[in-house]
Amino acid sequence: MQKIILASNNKGKIKEFNKMLEGIYHVVSMQDMGVKEVPETGLSFVENALIKARNASKQSGLAALADDSGLVVDALNGAPSIYSARYAGNHGDDELNTQKLLEELQGVDNINRGARFWCACVFVKHANDPTPIIVQRAWEGEILRHKVGNNGFGYDPVFYLPKHNCTAAELAPAIKNTVSHRAKALKALLVKLKVC
């Protein structure tokens, strides 16, 4: 089984990817390989995913898989977008990020709370790969006024899924790993890699 590096230190994301790639790739994290992060200076999910993948591949010498994902809220002109993980200032503070989102949406009526999680997934064979494989997928939902559920991470407790009649944080991980933006993008990527 080929070893690849996942360009992330996000424990929730690493857990999800490992589950989805089980039996296909042996996934190692940036921490496993001593890879240092680089600033995400892109202006889009794709640009940031490429920056992360190339960096992880360069430092580890392995093929790299990266995603850049975030929440896109219609009433906020697409925010928090690529800044989802650091929306409230501190990177990865799920509680503060969610609180800020709910504050920003105060006064927005229920029919205008549409949102989607967006994921750009990138695979590079090596750091200078001129033909990276890139896929993007979305997961449609709505933003609630308060948190519901204990599964998942990030904005999952306020991301309501009309098709499932629950939030992303109420979905069992096994179900989330088949329907989420990340799951859809990864599945499409694996098809392109001719693994599936």
N, C-alpha and C. Protein backbone atom coordinates (compact mmCIF):
# COMPACT_ATOMS: atom_id res chain seq x y z
N MET A 1 0.84 -1.19 0.00
CA MET A 1 0.00 0.00 0.00
C MET A 1 0.88 1.25 0.00
N GLN A 2 0.58 2.19 -0.91
CA GLN A 2 1.39 3.39 -1.04
C GLN A 2 1.19 4.32 0.16
N LYS A 3 2.29 4.87 0.65
CA LYS A 3 2.23 5.82 1.75
C LYS A 3 2.09 7.22 1.17
N ILE A 4 1.15 7.98 1.67
CA ILE A 4 0.99 9.37 1.27
C ILE A 4 0.86 10.23 2.52
N ILE A 5 1.17 11.51 2.35
CA ILE A 5 1.04 12.42 3.48
C ILE A 5 -0.21 13.27 3.31
N LEU A 6 -0.95 13.40 4.40
CA LEU A 6 -2.10 14.29 4.43
C LEU A 6 -1.61 15.63 4.97
N ALA A 7 -1.76 16.66 4.17
CA ALA A 7 -1.24 17.98 4.54
C ALA A 7 -2.16 18.68 5.53
N SER A 8 -2.18 18.16 6.76
CA SER A 8 -3.03 18.74 7.80
C SER A 8 -2.54 18.33 9.18
N ASN A 9 -2.82 19.18 10.15
CA ASN A 9 -2.61 18.84 11.56
C ASN A 9 -3.95 18.84 12.30
N ASN A 10 -5.04 19.02 11.55
CA ASN A 10 -6.38 19.04 12.13
C ASN A 10 -6.78 17.61 12.48
N LYS A 11 -6.90 17.33 13.78
CA LYS A 11 -7.15 15.95 14.23
C LYS A 11 -8.47 15.40 13.70
N GLY A 12 -9.50 16.24 13.65
CA GLY A 12 -10.79 15.80 13.12
C GLY A 12 -10.70 15.41 11.66
N LYS A 13 -9.99 16.23 10.90
CA LYS A 13 -9.82 15.99 9.47
C LYS A 13 -8.99 14.73 9.23
N ILE A 14 -7.91 14.57 9.99
CA ILE A 14 -7.04 13.39 9.84
C ILE A 14 -7.83 12.12 10.11
N LYS A 15 -8.65 12.15 11.15
CA LYS A 15 -9.47 10.99 11.49
C LYS A 15 -10.44 10.64 10.36
N GLU A 16 -11.09 11.68 9.80
CA GLU A 16 -12.04 11.46 8.69
C GLU A 16 -11.33 10.87 7.48
N PHE A 17 -10.20 11.47 7.08
CA PHE A 17 -9.48 11.00 5.90
C PHE A 17 -8.97 9.58 6.08
N ASN A 18 -8.44 9.27 7.26
CA ASN A 18 -7.95 7.92 7.51
C ASN A 18 -9.05 6.89 7.35
N LYS A 19 -10.23 7.22 7.85
CA LYS A 19 -11.37 6.30 7.75
C LYS A 19 -11.77 6.12 6.28
N MET A 20 -11.81 7.23 5.54
CA MET A 20 -12.24 7.17 4.14
C MET A 20 -11.20 6.51 3.22
N LEU A 21 -9.93 6.56 3.60
CA LEU A 21 -8.86 6.01 2.76
C LEU A 21 -8.37 4.64 3.23
N GLU A 22 -9.02 4.11 4.27
CA GLU A 22 -8.64 2.82 4.84
C GLU A 22 -8.57 1.74 3.76
N GLY A 23 -7.44 1.05 3.70
CA GLY A 23 -7.28 -0.03 2.74
C GLY A 23 -6.85 0.41 1.36
N ILE A 24 -6.78 1.74 1.14
CA ILE A 24 -6.39 2.26 -0.18
C ILE A 24 -4.98 2.86 -0.12
N TYR A 25 -4.79 3.73 0.87
CA TYR A 25 -3.49 4.35 1.09
C TYR A 25 -3.13 4.23 2.56
N HIS A 26 -1.84 4.21 2.83
CA HIS A 26 -1.37 4.33 4.21
C HIS A 26 -1.11 5.82 4.41
N VAL A 27 -1.95 6.45 5.20
CA VAL A 27 -1.89 7.91 5.37
C VAL A 27 -1.07 8.27 6.60
N VAL A 28 -0.12 9.17 6.40
CA VAL A 28 0.64 9.72 7.52
C VAL A 28 0.33 11.21 7.60
N SER A 29 0.46 11.76 8.79
CA SER A 29 0.16 13.18 8.98
C SER A 29 1.43 14.02 8.91
N MET A 30 1.25 15.32 8.87
CA MET A 30 2.39 16.22 8.89
C MET A 30 3.19 16.05 10.18
N GLN A 31 2.49 15.83 11.27
CA GLN A 31 3.15 15.64 12.56
C GLN A 31 4.01 14.37 12.54
N ASP A 32 3.47 13.30 11.92
CA ASP A 32 4.23 12.04 11.82
C ASP A 32 5.56 12.25 11.11
N MET A 33 5.57 13.14 10.12
CA MET A 33 6.75 13.33 9.27
C MET A 33 7.54 14.59 9.64
N GLY A 34 7.14 15.29 10.69
CA GLY A 34 7.85 16.50 11.10
C GLY A 34 7.74 17.63 10.10
N VAL A 35 6.64 17.69 9.37
CA VAL A 35 6.44 18.72 8.36
C VAL A 35 5.90 19.99 9.01
N LYS A 36 6.54 21.10 8.69
CA LYS A 36 6.11 22.40 9.22
C LYS A 36 5.08 23.01 8.28
N GLU A 37 4.10 23.69 8.87
CA GLU A 37 3.06 24.37 8.09
C GLU A 37 3.64 25.60 7.39
N VAL A 38 3.00 25.99 6.30
CA VAL A 38 3.33 27.24 5.62
C VAL A 38 2.08 28.11 5.61
N PRO A 39 2.25 29.41 5.48
CA PRO A 39 1.07 30.30 5.45
C PRO A 39 0.18 29.97 4.26
N GLU A 40 -1.12 29.98 4.51
CA GLU A 40 -2.11 29.78 3.45
C GLU A 40 -2.41 31.15 2.85
N THR A 41 -1.68 31.50 1.81
CA THR A 41 -1.77 32.84 1.23
C THR A 41 -2.65 32.91 -0.01
N GLY A 42 -3.28 31.80 -0.36
CA GLY A 42 -4.14 31.79 -1.53
C GLY A 42 -5.42 32.57 -1.31
N LEU A 43 -6.10 32.87 -2.41
CA LEU A 43 -7.36 33.60 -2.34
C LEU A 43 -8.55 32.70 -2.63
N SER A 44 -8.27 31.41 -2.77
CA SER A 44 -9.35 30.45 -3.01
C SER A 44 -9.03 29.14 -2.30
N PHE A 45 -10.04 28.29 -2.20
CA PHE A 45 -9.83 26.97 -1.59
C PHE A 45 -8.80 26.18 -2.39
N VAL A 46 -8.87 26.24 -3.72
CA VAL A 46 -7.93 25.49 -4.58
C VAL A 46 -6.50 25.97 -4.36
N GLU A 47 -6.29 27.28 -4.36
CA GLU A 47 -4.93 27.82 -4.18
C GLU A 47 -4.35 27.37 -2.84
N ASN A 48 -5.14 27.45 -1.79
CA ASN A 48 -4.64 27.05 -0.47
C ASN A 48 -4.35 25.56 -0.40
N ALA A 49 -5.20 24.74 -1.01
CA ALA A 49 -4.96 23.29 -1.01
C ALA A 49 -3.67 22.97 -1.76
N LEU A 50 -3.42 23.64 -2.86
CA LEU A 50 -2.17 23.43 -3.62
C LEU A 50 -0.95 23.82 -2.81
N ILE A 51 -1.03 24.97 -2.13
CA ILE A 51 0.08 25.42 -1.29
C ILE A 51 0.41 24.36 -0.24
N LYS A 52 -0.63 23.85 0.41
CA LYS A 52 -0.43 22.85 1.47
C LYS A 52 0.12 21.53 0.93
N ALA A 53 -0.43 21.08 -0.21
CA ALA A 53 0.01 19.80 -0.78
C ALA A 53 1.47 19.88 -1.22
N ARG A 54 1.84 20.95 -1.91
CA ARG A 54 3.22 21.08 -2.39
C ARG A 54 4.20 21.17 -1.22
N ASN A 55 3.83 21.90 -0.19
CA ASN A 55 4.68 22.02 0.99
C ASN A 55 4.89 20.67 1.67
N ALA A 56 3.80 19.94 1.89
CA ALA A 56 3.90 18.64 2.57
C ALA A 56 4.73 17.66 1.75
N SER A 57 4.55 17.67 0.43
CA SER A 57 5.30 16.78 -0.44
C SER A 57 6.79 17.14 -0.44
N LYS A 58 7.08 18.43 -0.51
CA LYS A 58 8.47 18.89 -0.54
C LYS A 58 9.22 18.49 0.72
N GLN A 59 8.57 18.68 1.89
CA GLN A 59 9.25 18.39 3.15
C GLN A 59 9.32 16.90 3.48
N SER A 60 8.36 16.13 2.96
CA SER A 60 8.32 14.70 3.31
C SER A 60 8.89 13.79 2.24
N GLY A 61 8.91 14.27 0.99
CA GLY A 61 9.34 13.43 -0.12
C GLY A 61 8.27 12.44 -0.57
N LEU A 62 7.06 12.58 -0.04
CA LEU A 62 5.95 11.68 -0.39
C LEU A 62 4.94 12.37 -1.28
N ALA A 63 4.14 11.57 -1.97
CA ALA A 63 2.96 12.13 -2.65
C ALA A 63 2.09 12.73 -1.55
N ALA A 64 1.39 13.80 -1.88
CA ALA A 64 0.62 14.51 -0.85
C ALA A 64 -0.82 14.74 -1.25
N LEU A 65 -1.65 14.67 -0.24
CA LEU A 65 -3.08 14.94 -0.40
C LEU A 65 -3.40 16.10 0.53
N ALA A 66 -4.08 17.11 -0.01
CA ALA A 66 -4.48 18.25 0.82
C ALA A 66 -5.89 18.64 0.47
N ASP A 67 -6.56 19.18 1.45
CA ASP A 67 -7.85 19.78 1.14
C ASP A 67 -7.87 21.15 1.80
N ASP A 68 -8.63 22.02 1.22
CA ASP A 68 -8.93 23.27 1.88
C ASP A 68 -10.43 23.37 1.83
N SER A 69 -11.01 23.53 2.96
CA SER A 69 -12.46 23.53 3.01
C SER A 69 -12.93 24.58 3.99
N GLY A 70 -14.19 24.93 3.84
CA GLY A 70 -14.74 25.93 4.73
C GLY A 70 -16.22 26.11 4.48
N LEU A 71 -16.78 27.00 5.24
CA LEU A 71 -18.20 27.27 5.19
C LEU A 71 -18.44 28.53 4.36
N VAL A 72 -19.38 28.44 3.44
CA VAL A 72 -19.74 29.57 2.58
C VAL A 72 -21.21 29.91 2.88
N VAL A 73 -21.44 31.09 3.43
CA VAL A 73 -22.79 31.48 3.86
C VAL A 73 -23.33 32.58 2.94
N ASP A 74 -24.47 32.31 2.34
CA ASP A 74 -25.04 33.23 1.36
C ASP A 74 -25.27 34.63 1.93
N ALA A 75 -25.87 34.72 3.11
CA ALA A 75 -26.21 36.02 3.70
C ALA A 75 -24.98 36.84 4.09
N LEU A 76 -23.81 36.19 4.13
CA LEU A 76 -22.57 36.88 4.50
C LEU A 76 -21.65 37.05 3.29
N ASN A 77 -22.25 37.05 2.09
CA ASN A 77 -21.48 37.19 0.85
C ASN A 77 -20.37 36.15 0.73
N GLY A 78 -20.66 34.94 1.21
CA GLY A 78 -19.70 33.85 1.09
C GLY A 78 -18.79 33.64 2.29
N ALA A 79 -18.76 34.58 3.22
CA ALA A 79 -17.93 34.42 4.43
C ALA A 79 -18.51 33.26 5.26
N PRO A 80 -17.69 32.64 6.10
CA PRO A 80 -16.27 32.90 6.38
C PRO A 80 -15.29 32.35 5.33
N SER A 81 -15.77 31.50 4.42
CA SER A 81 -14.99 31.05 3.26
C SER A 81 -13.62 30.48 3.66
N ILE A 82 -12.57 30.95 2.98
CA ILE A 82 -11.23 30.39 3.24
C ILE A 82 -10.72 30.75 4.63
N TYR A 83 -11.42 31.62 5.32
CA TYR A 83 -11.02 32.01 6.68
C TYR A 83 -11.83 31.27 7.74
N SER A 84 -12.52 30.21 7.37
CA SER A 84 -13.42 29.50 8.29
C SER A 84 -12.74 29.06 9.58
N ALA A 85 -11.52 28.55 9.49
CA ALA A 85 -10.82 28.03 10.68
C ALA A 85 -10.33 29.13 11.60
N ARG A 86 -10.21 30.35 11.07
CA ARG A 86 -9.71 31.46 11.87
C ARG A 86 -10.65 32.67 11.82
N TYR A 87 -11.93 32.39 11.67
CA TYR A 87 -12.95 33.42 11.51
C TYR A 87 -12.98 34.39 12.69
N ALA A 88 -12.83 33.87 13.88
CA ALA A 88 -12.88 34.71 15.08
C ALA A 88 -11.49 35.20 15.51
N GLY A 89 -10.47 34.88 14.74
CA GLY A 89 -9.12 35.36 15.04
C GLY A 89 -8.11 34.28 15.33
N ASN A 90 -8.43 33.37 16.25
CA ASN A 90 -7.50 32.30 16.60
C ASN A 90 -7.77 31.07 15.75
N HIS A 91 -6.75 30.55 15.11
CA HIS A 91 -6.90 29.39 14.23
C HIS A 91 -7.40 28.18 15.00
N GLY A 92 -8.47 27.57 14.49
CA GLY A 92 -8.97 26.32 15.05
C GLY A 92 -9.82 26.44 16.30
N ASP A 93 -10.24 27.65 16.67
CA ASP A 93 -11.10 27.80 17.85
C ASP A 93 -12.56 27.64 17.42
N ASP A 94 -13.01 26.37 17.39
CA ASP A 94 -14.35 26.06 16.90
C ASP A 94 -15.44 26.82 17.63
N GLU A 95 -15.30 26.93 18.94
CA GLU A 95 -16.33 27.58 19.76
C GLU A 95 -16.48 29.05 19.39
N LEU A 96 -15.37 29.77 19.34
CA LEU A 96 -15.41 31.21 19.02
C LEU A 96 -15.85 31.45 17.58
N ASN A 97 -15.38 30.59 16.66
CA ASN A 97 -15.78 30.74 15.26
C ASN A 97 -17.28 30.59 15.09
N THR A 98 -17.84 29.57 15.74
CA THR A 98 -19.28 29.33 15.64
C THR A 98 -20.06 30.46 16.29
N GLN A 99 -19.58 30.93 17.42
CA GLN A 99 -20.23 32.04 18.12
C GLN A 99 -20.25 33.29 17.23
N LYS A 100 -19.14 33.59 16.58
CA LYS A 100 -19.07 34.76 15.70
C LYS A 100 -20.04 34.60 14.54
N LEU A 101 -20.09 33.41 13.96
CA LEU A 101 -21.01 33.16 12.84
C LEU A 101 -22.46 33.43 13.25
N LEU A 102 -22.85 32.90 14.41
CA LEU A 102 -24.22 33.09 14.88
C LEU A 102 -24.52 34.57 15.16
N GLU A 103 -23.54 35.29 15.67
CA GLU A 103 -23.71 36.73 15.91
C GLU A 103 -23.88 37.48 14.60
N GLU A 104 -23.09 37.11 13.60
CA GLU A 104 -23.17 37.77 12.29
C GLU A 104 -24.52 37.54 11.62
N LEU A 105 -25.15 36.41 11.95
CA LEU A 105 -26.42 36.06 11.31
C LEU A 105 -27.65 36.45 12.13
N GLN A 106 -27.43 37.12 13.24
CA GLN A 106 -28.57 37.59 14.03
C GLN A 106 -29.42 38.51 13.15
N GLY A 107 -30.73 38.31 13.18
CA GLY A 107 -31.61 39.15 12.39
C GLY A 107 -31.84 38.65 10.97
N VAL A 108 -31.10 37.63 10.55
CA VAL A 108 -31.32 37.04 9.22
C VAL A 108 -32.41 35.99 9.35
N ASP A 109 -33.47 36.14 8.54
CA ASP A 109 -34.60 35.21 8.68
C ASP A 109 -34.25 33.81 8.17
N ASN A 110 -35.08 32.85 8.52
CA ASN A 110 -34.80 31.44 8.24
C ASN A 110 -34.63 31.11 6.77
N ILE A 111 -35.37 31.79 5.89
CA ILE A 111 -35.27 31.43 4.47
C ILE A 111 -34.01 31.98 3.81
N ASN A 112 -33.28 32.83 4.51
CA ASN A 112 -32.04 33.40 3.95
C ASN A 112 -30.79 32.92 4.68
N ARG A 113 -30.87 31.73 5.27
CA ARG A 113 -29.73 31.21 6.03
C ARG A 113 -29.04 30.05 5.30
N GLY A 114 -29.19 30.04 3.98
CA GLY A 114 -28.57 28.99 3.17
C GLY A 114 -27.05 29.06 3.23
N ALA A 115 -26.43 27.89 3.20
CA ALA A 115 -24.97 27.81 3.28
C ALA A 115 -24.52 26.48 2.69
N ARG A 116 -23.22 26.39 2.47
CA ARG A 116 -22.66 25.12 2.03
C ARG A 116 -21.24 25.00 2.56
N PHE A 117 -20.90 23.78 2.90
CA PHE A 117 -19.49 23.48 3.14
C PHE A 117 -18.88 23.24 1.77
N TRP A 118 -17.70 23.79 1.53
CA TRP A 118 -17.02 23.66 0.26
C TRP A 118 -15.68 22.99 0.49
N CYS A 119 -15.31 22.11 -0.41
CA CYS A 119 -14.02 21.42 -0.27
C CYS A 119 -13.30 21.37 -1.61
N ALA A 120 -12.06 21.81 -1.60
CA ALA A 120 -11.16 21.61 -2.74
C ALA A 120 -10.13 20.58 -2.30
N CYS A 121 -10.03 19.49 -3.04
CA CYS A 121 -9.11 18.40 -2.71
C CYS A 121 -8.04 18.33 -3.80
N VAL A 122 -6.79 18.24 -3.38
CA VAL A 122 -5.67 18.26 -4.32
C VAL A 122 -4.72 17.10 -4.02
N PHE A 123 -4.27 16.45 -5.09
CA PHE A 123 -3.27 15.38 -4.96
C PHE A 123 -2.08 15.73 -5.84
N VAL A 124 -0.87 15.71 -5.27
CA VAL A 124 0.35 15.91 -6.06
C VAL A 124 1.26 14.70 -5.87
N LYS A 125 1.85 14.24 -6.98
CA LYS A 125 2.79 13.11 -6.91
C LYS A 125 4.10 13.52 -6.27
N HIS A 126 4.47 14.78 -6.50
CA HIS A 126 5.69 15.34 -5.91
C HIS A 126 5.51 16.86 -5.82
N ALA A 127 6.43 17.52 -5.16
CA ALA A 127 6.26 18.95 -4.87
C ALA A 127 6.10 19.82 -6.11
N ASN A 128 6.75 19.43 -7.22
CA ASN A 128 6.68 20.24 -8.43
C ASN A 128 5.77 19.64 -9.49
N ASP A 129 4.86 18.78 -9.08
CA ASP A 129 3.93 18.13 -10.01
C ASP A 129 3.21 19.18 -10.86
N PRO A 130 3.43 19.16 -12.20
CA PRO A 130 2.79 20.17 -13.05
C PRO A 130 1.32 19.85 -13.37
N THR A 131 0.89 18.64 -13.01
CA THR A 131 -0.49 18.24 -13.30
C THR A 131 -1.18 17.71 -12.04
N PRO A 132 -1.34 18.57 -11.04
CA PRO A 132 -2.02 18.12 -9.83
C PRO A 132 -3.46 17.73 -10.15
N ILE A 133 -3.97 16.78 -9.40
CA ILE A 133 -5.37 16.40 -9.56
C ILE A 133 -6.18 17.26 -8.59
N ILE A 134 -7.18 17.94 -9.11
CA ILE A 134 -7.97 18.89 -8.31
C ILE A 134 -9.46 18.59 -8.49
N VAL A 135 -10.16 18.45 -7.38
CA VAL A 135 -11.62 18.33 -7.43
C VAL A 135 -12.23 19.23 -6.37
N GLN A 136 -13.44 19.69 -6.64
CA GLN A 136 -14.17 20.52 -5.68
C GLN A 136 -15.60 20.00 -5.55
N ARG A 137 -16.09 19.99 -4.32
CA ARG A 137 -17.45 19.53 -4.07
C ARG A 137 -18.07 20.36 -2.94
N ALA A 138 -19.41 20.43 -2.95
CA ALA A 138 -20.14 21.20 -1.93
C ALA A 138 -21.12 20.30 -1.19
N TRP A 139 -21.51 20.75 0.01
CA TRP A 139 -22.50 20.07 0.84
C TRP A 139 -23.48 21.12 1.29
N GLU A 140 -24.69 21.07 0.75
CA GLU A 140 -25.68 22.13 0.97
C GLU A 140 -26.41 21.98 2.31
N GLY A 141 -26.67 23.11 2.94
CA GLY A 141 -27.41 23.11 4.19
C GLY A 141 -27.87 24.50 4.57
N GLU A 142 -28.18 24.67 5.84
CA GLU A 142 -28.65 25.95 6.38
C GLU A 142 -28.01 26.15 7.75
N ILE A 143 -27.91 27.40 8.15
CA ILE A 143 -27.33 27.69 9.47
C ILE A 143 -28.44 27.89 10.50
N LEU A 144 -28.38 27.10 11.55
CA LEU A 144 -29.35 27.22 12.64
C LEU A 144 -29.02 28.43 13.51
N ARG A 145 -29.88 28.68 14.50
CA ARG A 145 -29.67 29.80 15.42
C ARG A 145 -28.94 29.37 16.70
N HIS A 146 -28.79 28.06 16.88
CA HIS A 146 -28.09 27.54 18.07
C HIS A 146 -27.50 26.18 17.73
N LYS A 147 -26.59 25.73 18.55
CA LYS A 147 -25.90 24.46 18.31
C LYS A 147 -26.74 23.26 18.70
N VAL A 148 -26.66 22.20 17.87
CA VAL A 148 -27.35 20.94 18.15
C VAL A 148 -26.43 19.79 17.74
N GLY A 149 -26.21 18.84 18.66
CA GLY A 149 -25.42 17.65 18.35
C GLY A 149 -24.00 17.71 18.88
N ASN A 150 -23.40 16.52 19.02
CA ASN A 150 -22.06 16.42 19.62
C ASN A 150 -21.01 15.77 18.74
N ASN A 151 -21.39 15.31 17.55
CA ASN A 151 -20.41 14.69 16.64
C ASN A 151 -19.74 15.76 15.80
N GLY A 152 -18.73 15.33 15.04
CA GLY A 152 -18.08 16.24 14.10
C GLY A 152 -17.22 17.28 14.79
N PHE A 153 -16.97 18.37 14.07
CA PHE A 153 -16.13 19.45 14.58
C PHE A 153 -16.45 20.71 13.80
N GLY A 154 -15.82 21.81 14.18
CA GLY A 154 -16.04 23.06 13.45
C GLY A 154 -17.47 23.55 13.56
N TYR A 155 -18.05 23.87 12.41
CA TYR A 155 -19.41 24.44 12.36
C TYR A 155 -20.50 23.37 12.31
N ASP A 156 -20.13 22.10 12.41
CA ASP A 156 -21.10 21.01 12.29
C ASP A 156 -22.35 21.18 13.16
N PRO A 157 -22.23 21.66 14.42
CA PRO A 157 -23.42 21.75 15.27
C PRO A 157 -24.46 22.78 14.82
N VAL A 158 -24.08 23.72 13.95
CA VAL A 158 -25.06 24.71 13.48
C VAL A 158 -25.40 24.53 12.00
N PHE A 159 -24.83 23.49 11.37
CA PHE A 159 -25.06 23.25 9.94
C PHE A 159 -26.18 22.22 9.80
N TYR A 160 -27.37 22.72 9.48
CA TYR A 160 -28.56 21.88 9.38
C TYR A 160 -28.71 21.32 7.98
N LEU A 161 -29.03 20.02 7.93
CA LEU A 161 -29.17 19.30 6.66
C LEU A 161 -30.63 18.91 6.46
N PRO A 162 -31.37 19.66 5.64
CA PRO A 162 -32.78 19.35 5.42
C PRO A 162 -33.03 17.91 4.96
N LYS A 163 -32.14 17.37 4.13
CA LYS A 163 -32.31 16.00 3.62
C LYS A 163 -32.27 14.97 4.74
N HIS A 164 -31.52 15.26 5.79
CA HIS A 164 -31.37 14.32 6.91
C HIS A 164 -32.17 14.74 8.14
N ASN A 165 -32.75 15.94 8.08
CA ASN A 165 -33.53 16.48 9.20
C ASN A 165 -32.72 16.51 10.50
N CYS A 166 -31.45 16.90 10.38
CA CYS A 166 -30.59 17.03 11.56
C CYS A 166 -29.38 17.88 11.18
N THR A 167 -28.54 18.18 12.18
CA THR A 167 -27.30 18.90 11.89
C THR A 167 -26.21 17.90 11.53
N ALA A 168 -25.13 18.43 10.97
CA ALA A 168 -23.97 17.59 10.66
C ALA A 168 -23.41 16.96 11.93
N ALA A 169 -23.58 17.65 13.06
CA ALA A 169 -23.08 17.14 14.35
C ALA A 169 -23.97 16.06 14.94
N GLU A 170 -25.13 15.82 14.34
CA GLU A 170 -26.02 14.74 14.80
C GLU A 170 -25.86 13.50 13.93
N LEU A 171 -25.19 13.63 12.80
CA LEU A 171 -24.98 12.47 11.93
C LEU A 171 -23.96 11.53 12.54
N ALA A 172 -24.17 10.25 12.38
CA ALA A 172 -23.16 9.27 12.78
C ALA A 172 -21.95 9.49 11.87
N PRO A 173 -20.73 9.37 12.41
CA PRO A 173 -19.53 9.57 11.59
C PRO A 173 -19.53 8.73 10.32
N ALA A 174 -20.03 7.50 10.39
CA ALA A 174 -20.05 6.63 9.21
C ALA A 174 -20.92 7.21 8.10
N ILE A 175 -22.00 7.88 8.47
CA ILE A 175 -22.87 8.51 7.47
C ILE A 175 -22.23 9.79 6.95
N LYS A 176 -21.71 10.60 7.88
CA LYS A 176 -21.06 11.85 7.47
C LYS A 176 -19.94 11.57 6.46
N ASN A 177 -19.20 10.49 6.69
CA ASN A 177 -18.08 10.16 5.81
C ASN A 177 -18.50 9.67 4.43
N THR A 178 -19.79 9.63 4.18
CA THR A 178 -20.26 9.28 2.83
C THR A 178 -20.99 10.44 2.16
N VAL A 179 -21.42 11.43 2.94
CA VAL A 179 -22.24 12.50 2.35
C VAL A 179 -21.63 13.90 2.44
N SER A 180 -20.58 14.09 3.21
CA SER A 180 -20.02 15.42 3.41
C SER A 180 -19.31 15.94 2.16
N HIS A 181 -19.03 17.23 2.16
CA HIS A 181 -18.27 17.87 1.08
C HIS A 181 -16.91 17.19 0.91
N ARG A 182 -16.28 16.87 2.04
CA ARG A 182 -14.96 16.24 1.99
C ARG A 182 -15.06 14.82 1.44
N ALA A 183 -16.10 14.10 1.85
CA ALA A 183 -16.31 12.73 1.36
C ALA A 183 -16.56 12.73 -0.14
N LYS A 184 -17.39 13.67 -0.61
CA LYS A 184 -17.69 13.75 -2.04
C LYS A 184 -16.43 14.10 -2.85
N ALA A 185 -15.66 15.06 -2.33
CA ALA A 185 -14.44 15.47 -3.04
C ALA A 185 -13.42 14.34 -3.06
N LEU A 186 -13.26 13.67 -1.94
CA LEU A 186 -12.30 12.58 -1.87
C LEU A 186 -12.71 11.42 -2.78
N LYS A 187 -13.99 11.11 -2.81
CA LYS A 187 -14.48 10.05 -3.67
C LYS A 187 -14.20 10.37 -5.14
N ALA A 188 -14.47 11.61 -5.52
CA ALA A 188 -14.20 12.05 -6.90
C ALA A 188 -12.72 12.01 -7.21
N LEU A 189 -11.90 12.38 -6.22
CA LEU A 189 -10.45 12.36 -6.41
C LEU A 189 -9.95 10.93 -6.59
N LEU A 190 -10.46 10.02 -5.79
CA LEU A 190 -10.04 8.62 -5.90
C LEU A 190 -10.42 8.02 -7.25
N VAL A 191 -11.56 8.44 -7.79
CA VAL A 191 -11.95 7.98 -9.13
C VAL A 191 -10.93 8.47 -10.14
N LYS A 192 -10.52 9.74 -10.01
CA LYS A 192 -9.51 10.31 -10.92
C LYS A 192 -8.17 9.60 -10.77
N LEU A 193 -7.88 9.16 -9.57
CA LEU A 193 -6.62 8.45 -9.33
C LEU A 193 -6.73 6.98 -9.76
N LYS A 194 -7.93 6.58 -10.20
CA LYS A 194 -8.21 5.21 -10.65
C LYS A 194 -7.93 4.20 -9.55
N VAL A 195 -8.23 4.59 -8.31
CA VAL A 195 -8.05 3.68 -7.18
C VAL A 195 -9.32 2.88 -6.96
N CYS A 196 -10.46 3.56 -7.10
CA CYS A 196 -11.74 2.90 -6.84
C CYS A 196 -12.12 2.00 -8.02
